[in-house]
Full PDB file with SEQRES, HELIX, SHEET, SSBOND, CRYST1, ORIGX, SCALE, CONECT and MASTER records, all heavy atoms in Angstrom:
SEQRES   1 A   41  GLY ASP SER LEU ARG LEU SER CYS ALA ALA SER ILE ARG          
SEQRES   2 A   41  THR PHE SER SER TYR ASN MET ALA TRP PHE ARG GLN ALA          
SEQRES   3 A   41  PRO GLU LYS GLU ARG GLU PHE VAL ALA ALA ILE SER ARG          
SEQRES   4 A   41  THR GLY                                                      
HELIX    1 AA1 PHE A   15  SER A   17  5                                   3    
SHEET    1 AA1 2 MET A  20  ARG A  24  0                                        
SHEET    2 AA1 2 GLU A  32  ILE A  37 -1                                        
CRYST1    1.000    1.000    1.000  90.00  90.00  90.00 P 1           1          
ORIGX1      1.000000  0.000000  0.000000        0.00000                         
ORIGX2      0.000000  1.000000  0.000000        0.00000                         
ORIGX3      0.000000  0.000000  1.000000        0.00000                         
SCALE1      1.000000  0.000000  0.000000        0.00000                         
SCALE2      0.000000  1.000000  0.000000        0.00000                         
SCALE3      0.000000  0.000000  1.000000        0.00000                         
ATOM      1  N   GLY A   1      -3.064 -20.504  -3.811  1.00  0.00           N  
ATOM      2  CA  GLY A   1      -2.080 -20.980  -2.849  1.00  0.00           C  
ATOM      3  C   GLY A   1      -0.647 -20.389  -2.977  1.00  0.00           C  
ATOM      4  O   GLY A   1       0.169 -20.540  -2.128  1.00  0.00           O  
ATOM      5  N   ASP A   2      -0.440 -19.795  -4.114  1.00  0.00           N  
ATOM      6  CA  ASP A   2       0.944 -19.124  -4.372  1.00  0.00           C  
ATOM      7  C   ASP A   2       1.037 -17.793  -3.473  1.00  0.00           C  
ATOM      8  O   ASP A   2       0.147 -17.337  -2.931  1.00  0.00           O  
ATOM      9  CB  ASP A   2       1.045 -18.772  -5.890  1.00  0.00           C  
ATOM     10  CG  ASP A   2       1.326 -20.059  -6.697  1.00  0.00           C  
ATOM     11  OD1 ASP A   2       1.485 -21.192  -6.069  1.00  0.00           O  
ATOM     12  OD2 ASP A   2       1.321 -19.966  -7.912  1.00  0.00           O  
ATOM     13  N   SER A   3       2.298 -17.278  -3.657  1.00  0.00           N  
ATOM     14  CA  SER A   3       2.565 -16.089  -3.021  1.00  0.00           C  
ATOM     15  C   SER A   3       3.146 -15.021  -3.925  1.00  0.00           C  
ATOM     16  O   SER A   3       3.667 -15.345  -5.009  1.00  0.00           O  
ATOM     17  CB  SER A   3       3.605 -16.275  -1.950  1.00  0.00           C  
ATOM     18  OG  SER A   3       3.141 -17.149  -0.870  1.00  0.00           O  
ATOM     19  N   LEU A   4       2.927 -13.766  -3.606  1.00  0.00           N  
ATOM     20  CA  LEU A   4       3.442 -12.655  -4.422  1.00  0.00           C  
ATOM     21  C   LEU A   4       3.908 -11.526  -3.341  1.00  0.00           C  
ATOM     22  O   LEU A   4       3.337 -11.405  -2.319  1.00  0.00           O  
ATOM     23  CB  LEU A   4       2.408 -12.024  -5.312  1.00  0.00           C  
ATOM     24  CG  LEU A   4       2.135 -12.701  -6.726  1.00  0.00           C  
ATOM     25  CD1 LEU A   4       1.055 -11.997  -7.344  1.00  0.00           C  
ATOM     26  CD2 LEU A   4       3.400 -12.657  -7.522  1.00  0.00           C  
ATOM     27  N   ARG A   5       4.939 -10.792  -3.839  1.00  0.00           N  
ATOM     28  CA  ARG A   5       5.351  -9.623  -3.089  1.00  0.00           C  
ATOM     29  C   ARG A   5       5.189  -8.374  -3.946  1.00  0.00           C  
ATOM     30  O   ARG A   5       5.909  -8.384  -4.964  1.00  0.00           O  
ATOM     31  CB  ARG A   5       6.747  -9.790  -2.551  1.00  0.00           C  
ATOM     32  CG  ARG A   5       7.064  -8.636  -1.564  1.00  0.00           C  
ATOM     33  CD  ARG A   5       8.481  -8.678  -1.035  1.00  0.00           C  
ATOM     34  NE  ARG A   5       9.499  -8.325  -1.974  1.00  0.00           N  
ATOM     35  CZ  ARG A   5      10.739  -7.933  -1.741  1.00  0.00           C  
ATOM     36  NH1 ARG A   5      11.144  -7.944  -0.470  1.00  0.00           N  
ATOM     37  NH2 ARG A   5      11.566  -7.714  -2.726  1.00  0.00           N  
ATOM     38  N   LEU A   6       4.352  -7.550  -3.590  1.00  0.00           N  
ATOM     39  CA  LEU A   6       4.177  -6.282  -4.368  1.00  0.00           C  
ATOM     40  C   LEU A   6       5.093  -5.185  -3.754  1.00  0.00           C  
ATOM     41  O   LEU A   6       5.369  -5.196  -2.594  1.00  0.00           O  
ATOM     42  CB  LEU A   6       2.741  -5.737  -4.252  1.00  0.00           C  
ATOM     43  CG  LEU A   6       1.604  -6.667  -4.738  1.00  0.00           C  
ATOM     44  CD1 LEU A   6       0.282  -6.012  -4.543  1.00  0.00           C  
ATOM     45  CD2 LEU A   6       1.908  -7.152  -6.171  1.00  0.00           C  
ATOM     46  N   SER A   7       5.581  -4.388  -4.717  1.00  0.00           N  
ATOM     47  CA  SER A   7       6.452  -3.266  -4.235  1.00  0.00           C  
ATOM     48  C   SER A   7       5.934  -1.947  -4.684  1.00  0.00           C  
ATOM     49  O   SER A   7       5.262  -1.883  -5.731  1.00  0.00           O  
ATOM     50  CB  SER A   7       7.914  -3.409  -4.797  1.00  0.00           C  
ATOM     51  OG  SER A   7       8.482  -4.610  -4.375  1.00  0.00           O  
ATOM     52  N   CYS A   8       6.110  -0.926  -3.900  1.00  0.00           N  
ATOM     53  CA  CYS A   8       5.700   0.424  -4.251  1.00  0.00           C  
ATOM     54  C   CYS A   8       6.930   1.362  -4.040  1.00  0.00           C  
ATOM     55  O   CYS A   8       7.339   1.541  -2.906  1.00  0.00           O  
ATOM     56  CB  CYS A   8       4.532   0.881  -3.401  1.00  0.00           C  
ATOM     57  SG  CYS A   8       4.096   2.564  -3.603  1.00  0.00           S  
ATOM     58  N   ALA A   9       7.475   1.749  -5.149  1.00  0.00           N  
ATOM     59  CA  ALA A   9       8.609   2.693  -5.062  1.00  0.00           C  
ATOM     60  C   ALA A   9       8.062   4.160  -5.042  1.00  0.00           C  
ATOM     61  O   ALA A   9       7.306   4.563  -5.884  1.00  0.00           O  
ATOM     62  CB  ALA A   9       9.554   2.528  -6.253  1.00  0.00           C  
ATOM     63  N   ALA A  10       8.550   4.914  -4.073  1.00  0.00           N  
ATOM     64  CA  ALA A  10       8.054   6.273  -3.867  1.00  0.00           C  
ATOM     65  C   ALA A  10       9.123   7.298  -4.038  1.00  0.00           C  
ATOM     66  O   ALA A  10      10.220   7.209  -3.460  1.00  0.00           O  
ATOM     67  CB  ALA A  10       7.501   6.381  -2.333  1.00  0.00           C  
ATOM     68  N   SER A  11       8.841   8.269  -4.912  1.00  0.00           N  
ATOM     69  CA  SER A  11       9.716   9.363  -5.108  1.00  0.00           C  
ATOM     70  C   SER A  11       9.344  10.436  -4.248  1.00  0.00           C  
ATOM     71  O   SER A  11       8.799  11.479  -4.672  1.00  0.00           O  
ATOM     72  CB  SER A  11       9.688   9.756  -6.595  1.00  0.00           C  
ATOM     73  OG  SER A  11       8.448  10.161  -6.979  1.00  0.00           O  
ATOM     74  N   ILE A  12       9.555  10.327  -2.967  1.00  0.00           N  
ATOM     75  CA  ILE A  12       9.223  11.282  -1.900  1.00  0.00           C  
ATOM     76  C   ILE A  12      10.595  11.588  -1.167  1.00  0.00           C  
ATOM     77  O   ILE A  12      11.184  10.660  -0.660  1.00  0.00           O  
ATOM     78  CB  ILE A  12       8.260  10.766  -0.986  1.00  0.00           C  
ATOM     79  CG1 ILE A  12       6.972  10.275  -1.717  1.00  0.00           C  
ATOM     80  CG2 ILE A  12       7.849  11.765   0.086  1.00  0.00           C  
ATOM     81  CD1 ILE A  12       5.921   9.677  -0.848  1.00  0.00           C  
ATOM     82  N   ARG A  13      10.861  12.860  -1.053  1.00  0.00           N  
ATOM     83  CA  ARG A  13      12.052  13.221  -0.377  1.00  0.00           C  
ATOM     84  C   ARG A  13      12.114  12.855   1.143  1.00  0.00           C  
ATOM     85  O   ARG A  13      13.087  12.348   1.607  1.00  0.00           O  
ATOM     86  CB  ARG A  13      12.273  14.805  -0.462  1.00  0.00           C  
ATOM     87  CG  ARG A  13      13.524  15.290   0.263  1.00  0.00           C  
ATOM     88  CD  ARG A  13      13.604  16.790   0.233  1.00  0.00           C  
ATOM     89  NE  ARG A  13      13.797  17.283  -1.129  1.00  0.00           N  
ATOM     90  CZ  ARG A  13      13.956  18.540  -1.416  1.00  0.00           C  
ATOM     91  NH1 ARG A  13      14.034  19.501  -0.432  1.00  0.00           N  
ATOM     92  NH2 ARG A  13      14.088  18.910  -2.629  1.00  0.00           N  
ATOM     93  N   THR A  14      10.943  13.027   1.733  1.00  0.00           N  
ATOM     94  CA  THR A  14      10.827  12.677   3.159  1.00  0.00           C  
ATOM     95  C   THR A  14       9.912  11.434   3.295  1.00  0.00           C  
ATOM     96  O   THR A  14       8.919  11.452   4.087  1.00  0.00           O  
ATOM     97  CB  THR A  14      10.281  13.863   3.897  1.00  0.00           C  
ATOM     98  OG1 THR A  14       9.015  14.287   3.357  1.00  0.00           O  
ATOM     99  CG2 THR A  14      11.241  14.999   3.932  1.00  0.00           C  
ATOM    100  N   PHE A  15      10.268  10.409   2.664  1.00  0.00           N  
ATOM    101  CA  PHE A  15       9.458   9.195   2.593  1.00  0.00           C  
ATOM    102  C   PHE A  15       9.147   8.584   3.979  1.00  0.00           C  
ATOM    103  O   PHE A  15       8.042   8.172   4.257  1.00  0.00           O  
ATOM    104  CB  PHE A  15      10.110   8.072   1.759  1.00  0.00           C  
ATOM    105  CG  PHE A  15       9.508   6.786   1.824  1.00  0.00           C  
ATOM    106  CD1 PHE A  15       8.343   6.542   1.117  1.00  0.00           C  
ATOM    107  CD2 PHE A  15       9.974   5.676   2.673  1.00  0.00           C  
ATOM    108  CE1 PHE A  15       7.699   5.349   1.136  1.00  0.00           C  
ATOM    109  CE2 PHE A  15       9.403   4.520   2.616  1.00  0.00           C  
ATOM    110  CZ  PHE A  15       8.200   4.274   1.858  1.00  0.00           C  
ATOM    111  N   SER A  16      10.099   8.740   4.922  1.00  0.00           N  
ATOM    112  CA  SER A  16       9.983   8.186   6.232  1.00  0.00           C  
ATOM    113  C   SER A  16       8.916   8.916   7.008  1.00  0.00           C  
ATOM    114  O   SER A  16       8.465   8.395   8.061  1.00  0.00           O  
ATOM    115  CB  SER A  16      11.303   8.242   6.973  1.00  0.00           C  
ATOM    116  OG  SER A  16      11.797   9.571   7.147  1.00  0.00           O  
ATOM    117  N   SER A  17       8.614  10.130   6.576  1.00  0.00           N  
ATOM    118  CA  SER A  17       7.538  10.899   7.321  1.00  0.00           C  
ATOM    119  C   SER A  17       6.106  10.628   6.789  1.00  0.00           C  
ATOM    120  O   SER A  17       5.175  11.119   7.303  1.00  0.00           O  
ATOM    121  CB  SER A  17       7.802  12.356   7.224  1.00  0.00           C  
ATOM    122  OG  SER A  17       7.698  12.773   5.897  1.00  0.00           O  
ATOM    123  N   TYR A  18       5.978   9.723   5.832  1.00  0.00           N  
ATOM    124  CA  TYR A  18       4.696   9.489   5.228  1.00  0.00           C  
ATOM    125  C   TYR A  18       4.106   8.115   5.730  1.00  0.00           C  
ATOM    126  O   TYR A  18       4.813   7.151   5.987  1.00  0.00           O  
ATOM    127  CB  TYR A  18       4.749   9.404   3.720  1.00  0.00           C  
ATOM    128  CG  TYR A  18       4.833  10.733   3.018  1.00  0.00           C  
ATOM    129  CD1 TYR A  18       5.906  11.560   3.076  1.00  0.00           C  
ATOM    130  CD2 TYR A  18       3.561  11.099   2.417  1.00  0.00           C  
ATOM    131  CE1 TYR A  18       5.870  12.795   2.493  1.00  0.00           C  
ATOM    132  CE2 TYR A  18       3.615  12.388   1.793  1.00  0.00           C  
ATOM    133  CZ  TYR A  18       4.690  13.233   1.852  1.00  0.00           C  
ATOM    134  OH  TYR A  18       4.643  14.505   1.202  1.00  0.00           O  
ATOM    135  N   ASN A  19       2.785   8.091   5.991  1.00  0.00           N  
ATOM    136  CA  ASN A  19       2.060   6.932   6.191  1.00  0.00           C  
ATOM    137  C   ASN A  19       1.663   6.299   4.910  1.00  0.00           C  
ATOM    138  O   ASN A  19       1.197   6.989   3.963  1.00  0.00           O  
ATOM    139  CB  ASN A  19       0.813   7.236   7.025  1.00  0.00           C  
ATOM    140  CG  ASN A  19       1.117   7.862   8.262  1.00  0.00           C  
ATOM    141  OD1 ASN A  19       1.641   7.245   9.211  1.00  0.00           O  
ATOM    142  ND2 ASN A  19       0.697   9.170   8.522  1.00  0.00           N  
ATOM    143  N   MET A  20       1.889   4.950   4.751  1.00  0.00           N  
ATOM    144  CA  MET A  20       1.706   4.280   3.516  1.00  0.00           C  
ATOM    145  C   MET A  20       0.591   3.248   3.601  1.00  0.00           C  
ATOM    146  O   MET A  20       0.350   2.724   4.757  1.00  0.00           O  
ATOM    147  CB  MET A  20       2.961   3.698   3.008  1.00  0.00           C  
ATOM    148  CG  MET A  20       4.194   4.553   2.946  1.00  0.00           C  
ATOM    149  SD  MET A  20       3.941   5.891   1.697  1.00  0.00           S  
ATOM    150  CE  MET A  20       3.842   4.903   0.222  1.00  0.00           C  
ATOM    151  N   ALA A  21      -0.007   2.907   2.480  1.00  0.00           N  
ATOM    152  CA  ALA A  21      -1.071   1.888   2.537  1.00  0.00           C  
ATOM    153  C   ALA A  21      -1.200   1.202   1.165  1.00  0.00           C  
ATOM    154  O   ALA A  21      -0.669   1.687   0.221  1.00  0.00           O  
ATOM    155  CB  ALA A  21      -2.384   2.608   2.926  1.00  0.00           C  
ATOM    156  N   TRP A  22      -1.902   0.112   1.293  1.00  0.00           N  
ATOM    157  CA  TRP A  22      -2.337  -0.652   0.036  1.00  0.00           C  
ATOM    158  C   TRP A  22      -3.792  -0.687   0.046  1.00  0.00           C  
ATOM    159  O   TRP A  22      -4.464  -1.015   1.030  1.00  0.00           O  
ATOM    160  CB  TRP A  22      -1.697  -1.987   0.013  1.00  0.00           C  
ATOM    161  CG  TRP A  22      -0.191  -2.058  -0.250  1.00  0.00           C  
ATOM    162  CD1 TRP A  22       0.769  -2.175   0.586  1.00  0.00           C  
ATOM    163  CD2 TRP A  22       0.470  -2.112  -1.500  1.00  0.00           C  
ATOM    164  NE1 TRP A  22       1.974  -2.187  -0.007  1.00  0.00           N  
ATOM    165  CE2 TRP A  22       1.839  -2.161  -1.335  1.00  0.00           C  
ATOM    166  CE3 TRP A  22      -0.110  -2.088  -2.880  1.00  0.00           C  
ATOM    167  CZ2 TRP A  22       2.721  -2.150  -2.413  1.00  0.00           C  
ATOM    168  CZ3 TRP A  22       0.872  -2.026  -3.899  1.00  0.00           C  
ATOM    169  CH2 TRP A  22       2.278  -2.149  -3.699  1.00  0.00           C  
ATOM    170  N   PHE A  23      -4.390  -0.480  -1.188  1.00  0.00           N  
ATOM    171  CA  PHE A  23      -5.778  -0.734  -1.446  1.00  0.00           C  
ATOM    172  C   PHE A  23      -5.920  -1.593  -2.657  1.00  0.00           C  
ATOM    173  O   PHE A  23      -4.977  -1.853  -3.370  1.00  0.00           O  
ATOM    174  CB  PHE A  23      -6.453   0.631  -1.766  1.00  0.00           C  
ATOM    175  CG  PHE A  23      -6.602   1.532  -0.542  1.00  0.00           C  
ATOM    176  CD1 PHE A  23      -5.490   2.259  -0.067  1.00  0.00           C  
ATOM    177  CD2 PHE A  23      -7.831   1.760   0.063  1.00  0.00           C  
ATOM    178  CE1 PHE A  23      -5.654   3.152   1.008  1.00  0.00           C  
ATOM    179  CE2 PHE A  23      -7.996   2.523   1.187  1.00  0.00           C  
ATOM    180  CZ  PHE A  23      -6.857   3.244   1.631  1.00  0.00           C  
ATOM    181  N   ARG A  24      -7.095  -2.160  -2.883  1.00  0.00           N  
ATOM    182  CA  ARG A  24      -7.332  -3.004  -4.045  1.00  0.00           C  
ATOM    183  C   ARG A  24      -8.648  -2.742  -4.556  1.00  0.00           C  
ATOM    184  O   ARG A  24      -9.579  -2.390  -3.870  1.00  0.00           O  
ATOM    185  CB  ARG A  24      -7.072  -4.446  -3.750  1.00  0.00           C  
ATOM    186  CG  ARG A  24      -8.036  -5.101  -2.790  1.00  0.00           C  
ATOM    187  CD  ARG A  24      -7.686  -6.520  -2.500  1.00  0.00           C  
ATOM    188  NE  ARG A  24      -8.584  -7.221  -1.696  1.00  0.00           N  
ATOM    189  CZ  ARG A  24      -8.462  -8.409  -1.154  1.00  0.00           C  
ATOM    190  NH1 ARG A  24      -7.441  -9.080  -1.458  1.00  0.00           N  
ATOM    191  NH2 ARG A  24      -9.426  -8.934  -0.391  1.00  0.00           N  
ATOM    192  N   GLN A  25      -8.882  -3.047  -5.787  1.00  0.00           N  
ATOM    193  CA  GLN A  25     -10.267  -2.907  -6.420  1.00  0.00           C  
ATOM    194  C   GLN A  25     -10.380  -4.041  -7.519  1.00  0.00           C  
ATOM    195  O   GLN A  25      -9.707  -4.139  -8.404  1.00  0.00           O  
ATOM    196  CB  GLN A  25     -10.301  -1.521  -7.180  1.00  0.00           C  
ATOM    197  CG  GLN A  25     -11.726  -1.297  -7.666  1.00  0.00           C  
ATOM    198  CD  GLN A  25     -11.918   0.135  -8.141  1.00  0.00           C  
ATOM    199  OE1 GLN A  25     -10.894   0.900  -8.337  1.00  0.00           O  
ATOM    200  NE2 GLN A  25     -13.177   0.648  -8.128  1.00  0.00           N  
ATOM    201  N   ALA A  26     -11.398  -4.843  -7.162  1.00  0.00           N  
ATOM    202  CA  ALA A  26     -11.725  -6.020  -7.984  1.00  0.00           C  
ATOM    203  C   ALA A  26     -12.783  -5.438  -9.050  1.00  0.00           C  
ATOM    204  O   ALA A  26     -13.405  -4.472  -8.805  1.00  0.00           O  
ATOM    205  CB  ALA A  26     -12.236  -7.080  -7.165  1.00  0.00           C  
ATOM    206  N   PRO A  27     -12.918  -6.167 -10.149  1.00  0.00           N  
ATOM    207  CA  PRO A  27     -13.913  -5.806 -11.165  1.00  0.00           C  
ATOM    208  C   PRO A  27     -15.355  -5.674 -10.558  1.00  0.00           C  
ATOM    209  O   PRO A  27     -15.738  -6.569  -9.806  1.00  0.00           O  
ATOM    210  CB  PRO A  27     -13.836  -6.945 -12.097  1.00  0.00           C  
ATOM    211  CG  PRO A  27     -12.524  -7.412 -12.070  1.00  0.00           C  
ATOM    212  CD  PRO A  27     -12.129  -7.376 -10.562  1.00  0.00           C  
ATOM    213  N   GLU A  28     -16.017  -4.542 -10.844  1.00  0.00           N  
ATOM    214  CA  GLU A  28     -17.298  -4.301 -10.397  1.00  0.00           C  
ATOM    215  C   GLU A  28     -17.414  -4.244  -8.909  1.00  0.00           C  
ATOM    216  O   GLU A  28     -18.609  -4.388  -8.359  1.00  0.00           O  
ATOM    217  CB  GLU A  28     -18.272  -5.399 -10.945  1.00  0.00           C  
ATOM    218  CG  GLU A  28     -18.302  -5.535 -12.471  1.00  0.00           C  
ATOM    219  CD  GLU A  28     -19.266  -6.509 -12.974  1.00  0.00           C  
ATOM    220  OE1 GLU A  28     -19.795  -7.340 -12.233  1.00  0.00           O  
ATOM    221  OE2 GLU A  28     -19.560  -6.583 -14.172  1.00  0.00           O  
ATOM    222  N   LYS A  29     -16.320  -3.922  -8.204  1.00  0.00           N  
ATOM    223  CA  LYS A  29     -16.428  -3.712  -6.762  1.00  0.00           C  
ATOM    224  C   LYS A  29     -15.801  -2.454  -6.445  1.00  0.00           C  
ATOM    225  O   LYS A  29     -14.961  -1.786  -7.213  1.00  0.00           O  
ATOM    226  CB  LYS A  29     -15.699  -4.831  -6.067  1.00  0.00           C  
ATOM    227  CG  LYS A  29     -16.370  -6.241  -6.205  1.00  0.00           C  
ATOM    228  CD  LYS A  29     -15.601  -7.269  -5.323  1.00  0.00           C  
ATOM    229  CE  LYS A  29     -15.697  -6.922  -3.876  1.00  0.00           C  
ATOM    230  NZ  LYS A  29     -14.890  -8.064  -3.108  1.00  0.00           N  
ATOM    231  N   GLU A  30     -16.073  -1.963  -5.270  1.00  0.00           N  
ATOM    232  CA  GLU A  30     -15.491  -0.640  -4.819  1.00  0.00           C  
ATOM    233  C   GLU A  30     -13.980  -0.886  -4.305  1.00  0.00           C  
ATOM    234  O   GLU A  30     -13.609  -1.998  -3.963  1.00  0.00           O  
ATOM    235  CB  GLU A  30     -16.345  -0.033  -3.657  1.00  0.00           C  
ATOM    236  CG  GLU A  30     -17.669   0.331  -4.107  1.00  0.00           C  
ATOM    237  CD  GLU A  30     -18.508   0.908  -2.893  1.00  0.00           C  
ATOM    238  OE1 GLU A  30     -18.037   0.924  -1.723  1.00  0.00           O  
ATOM    239  OE2 GLU A  30     -19.574   1.433  -3.082  1.00  0.00           O  
ATOM    240  N   ARG A  31     -13.220   0.112  -4.379  1.00  0.00           N  
ATOM    241  CA  ARG A  31     -11.876   0.034  -3.845  1.00  0.00           C  
ATOM    242  C   ARG A  31     -11.956  -0.124  -2.341  1.00  0.00           C  
ATOM    243  O   ARG A  31     -12.751   0.513  -1.650  1.00  0.00           O  
ATOM    244  CB  ARG A  31     -11.035   1.341  -4.231  1.00  0.00           C  
ATOM    245  CG  ARG A  31      -9.635   1.309  -3.858  1.00  0.00           C  
ATOM    246  CD  ARG A  31      -8.874   2.465  -4.397  1.00  0.00           C  
ATOM    247  NE  ARG A  31      -8.946   2.495  -5.871  1.00  0.00           N  
ATOM    248  CZ  ARG A  31      -8.273   3.387  -6.569  1.00  0.00           C  
ATOM    249  NH1 ARG A  31      -7.557   4.303  -5.961  1.00  0.00           N  
ATOM    250  NH2 ARG A  31      -8.358   3.333  -7.900  1.00  0.00           N  
ATOM    251  N   GLU A  32     -11.153  -1.034  -1.887  1.00  0.00           N  
ATOM    252  CA  GLU A  32     -11.177  -1.358  -0.471  1.00  0.00           C  
ATOM    253  C   GLU A  32      -9.757  -1.227   0.158  1.00  0.00           C  
ATOM    254  O   GLU A  32      -8.730  -1.534  -0.525  1.00  0.00           O  
ATOM    255  CB  GLU A  32     -11.751  -2.756  -0.266  1.00  0.00           C  
ATOM    256  CG  GLU A  32     -10.938  -3.911  -0.838  1.00  0.00           C  
ATOM    257  CD  GLU A  32     -11.529  -5.353  -0.492  1.00  0.00           C  
ATOM    258  OE1 GLU A  32     -12.487  -5.358   0.344  1.00  0.00           O  
ATOM    259  OE2 GLU A  32     -11.033  -6.291  -1.057  1.00  0.00           O  
ATOM    260  N   PHE A  33      -9.739  -1.025   1.469  1.00  0.00           N  
ATOM    261  CA  PHE A  33      -8.496  -0.892   2.146  1.00  0.00           C  
ATOM    262  C   PHE A  33      -7.944  -2.398   2.341  1.00  0.00           C  
ATOM    263  O   PHE A  33      -8.637  -3.304   2.635  1.00  0.00           O  
ATOM    264  CB  PHE A  33      -8.762  -0.260   3.552  1.00  0.00           C  
ATOM    265  CG  PHE A  33      -7.667  -0.400   4.510  1.00  0.00           C  
ATOM    266  CD1 PHE A  33      -6.511   0.396   4.402  1.00  0.00           C  
ATOM    267  CD2 PHE A  33      -7.636  -1.346   5.496  1.00  0.00           C  
ATOM    268  CE1 PHE A  33      -5.472   0.373   5.291  1.00  0.00           C  
ATOM    269  CE2 PHE A  33      -6.600  -1.464   6.426  1.00  0.00           C  
ATOM    270  CZ  PHE A  33      -5.537  -0.604   6.329  1.00  0.00           C  
ATOM    271  N   VAL A  34      -6.649  -2.483   2.200  1.00  0.00           N  
ATOM    272  CA  VAL A  34      -5.957  -3.760   2.469  1.00  0.00           C  
ATOM    273  C   VAL A  34      -5.027  -3.767   3.635  1.00  0.00           C  
ATOM    274  O   VAL A  34      -5.166  -4.571   4.459  1.00  0.00           O  
ATOM    275  CB  VAL A  34      -5.116  -4.165   1.180  1.00  0.00           C  
ATOM    276  CG1 VAL A  34      -4.367  -5.460   1.483  1.00  0.00           C  
ATOM    277  CG2 VAL A  34      -6.033  -4.343  -0.031  1.00  0.00           C  
ATOM    278  N   ALA A  35      -4.135  -2.778   3.700  1.00  0.00           N  
ATOM    279  CA  ALA A  35      -3.230  -2.688   4.742  1.00  0.00           C  
ATOM    280  C   ALA A  35      -2.592  -1.335   4.808  1.00  0.00           C  
ATOM    281  O   ALA A  35      -2.528  -0.609   3.831  1.00  0.00           O  
ATOM    282  CB  ALA A  35      -2.096  -3.811   4.685  1.00  0.00           C  
ATOM    283  N   ALA A  36      -2.061  -0.951   6.000  1.00  0.00           N  
ATOM    284  CA  ALA A  36      -1.468   0.351   6.162  1.00  0.00           C  
ATOM    285  C   ALA A  36      -0.205   0.195   7.174  1.00  0.00           C  
ATOM    286  O   ALA A  36      -0.259  -0.645   7.971  1.00  0.00           O  
ATOM    287  CB  ALA A  36      -2.402   1.405   6.646  1.00  0.00           C  
ATOM    288  N   ILE A  37       0.736   1.080   6.982  1.00  0.00           N  
ATOM    289  CA  ILE A  37       1.875   1.090   7.809  1.00  0.00           C  
ATOM    290  C   ILE A  37       2.213   2.585   8.054  1.00  0.00           C  
ATOM    291  O   ILE A  37       2.340   3.403   7.223  1.00  0.00           O  
ATOM    292  CB  ILE A  37       3.035   0.348   7.287  1.00  0.00           C  
ATOM    293  CG1 ILE A  37       4.203   0.288   8.256  1.00  0.00           C  
ATOM    294  CG2 ILE A  37       3.547   0.949   5.880  1.00  0.00           C  
ATOM    295  CD1 ILE A  37       5.288  -0.694   7.884  1.00  0.00           C  
ATOM    296  N   SER A  38       2.406   2.878   9.389  1.00  0.00           N  
ATOM    297  CA  SER A  38       2.678   4.301   9.804  1.00  0.00           C  
ATOM    298  C   SER A  38       4.129   4.581   9.575  1.00  0.00           C  
ATOM    299  O   SER A  38       5.005   3.761   9.334  1.00  0.00           O  
ATOM    300  CB  SER A  38       2.263   4.568  11.257  1.00  0.00           C  
ATOM    301  OG  SER A  38       3.176   3.894  12.137  1.00  0.00           O  
ATOM    302  N   ARG A  39       4.485   5.847   9.774  1.00  0.00           N  
ATOM    303  CA  ARG A  39       5.835   6.287   9.750  1.00  0.00           C  
ATOM    304  C   ARG A  39       6.719   5.692  10.879  1.00  0.00           C  
ATOM    305  O   ARG A  39       7.939   5.583  10.637  1.00  0.00           O  
ATOM    306  CB  ARG A  39       5.935   7.798   9.823  1.00  0.00           C  
ATOM    307  CG  ARG A  39       5.515   8.389  11.199  1.00  0.00           C  
ATOM    308  CD  ARG A  39       5.269   9.913  11.086  1.00  0.00           C  
ATOM    309  NE  ARG A  39       4.121  10.186  10.400  1.00  0.00           N  
ATOM    310  CZ  ARG A  39       3.757  11.420  10.064  1.00  0.00           C  
ATOM    311  NH1 ARG A  39       4.548  12.435  10.324  1.00  0.00           N  
ATOM    312  NH2 ARG A  39       2.639  11.596   9.434  1.00  0.00           N  
ATOM    313  N   THR A  40       6.108   5.217  11.911  1.00  0.00           N  
ATOM    314  CA  THR A  40       6.839   4.590  12.917  1.00  0.00           C  
ATOM    315  C   THR A  40       6.842   3.040  12.940  1.00  0.00           C  
ATOM    316  O   THR A  40       7.380   2.407  13.711  1.00  0.00           O  
ATOM    317  CB  THR A  40       6.233   4.908  14.348  1.00  0.00           C  
ATOM    318  OG1 THR A  40       4.827   4.616  14.438  1.00  0.00           O  
ATOM    319  CG2 THR A  40       6.307   6.521  14.461  1.00  0.00           C  
ATOM    320  N   GLY A  41       6.184   2.487  11.911  1.00  0.00           N  
ATOM    321  CA  GLY A  41       6.149   1.037  11.662  1.00  0.00           C  
ATOM    322  C   GLY A  41       4.985   0.256  12.177  1.00  0.00           C  
ATOM    323  O   GLY A  41       4.913  -0.922  12.023  1.00  0.00           O  
TER     324      GLY A  41                                                      
MASTER        0    0    0    1    2    0    0    6  323    1    0    4          
END                                                                             
């Protein structure tokens, strides 16, 4: 029931030109897609 905010700090010169995403991997499970955001939002 609680909330968390994860952050990802990127050392990329042209960060705004990159598409970004979050994935997750639970124990004994495959890595799965969570969310993505394009360079345009």
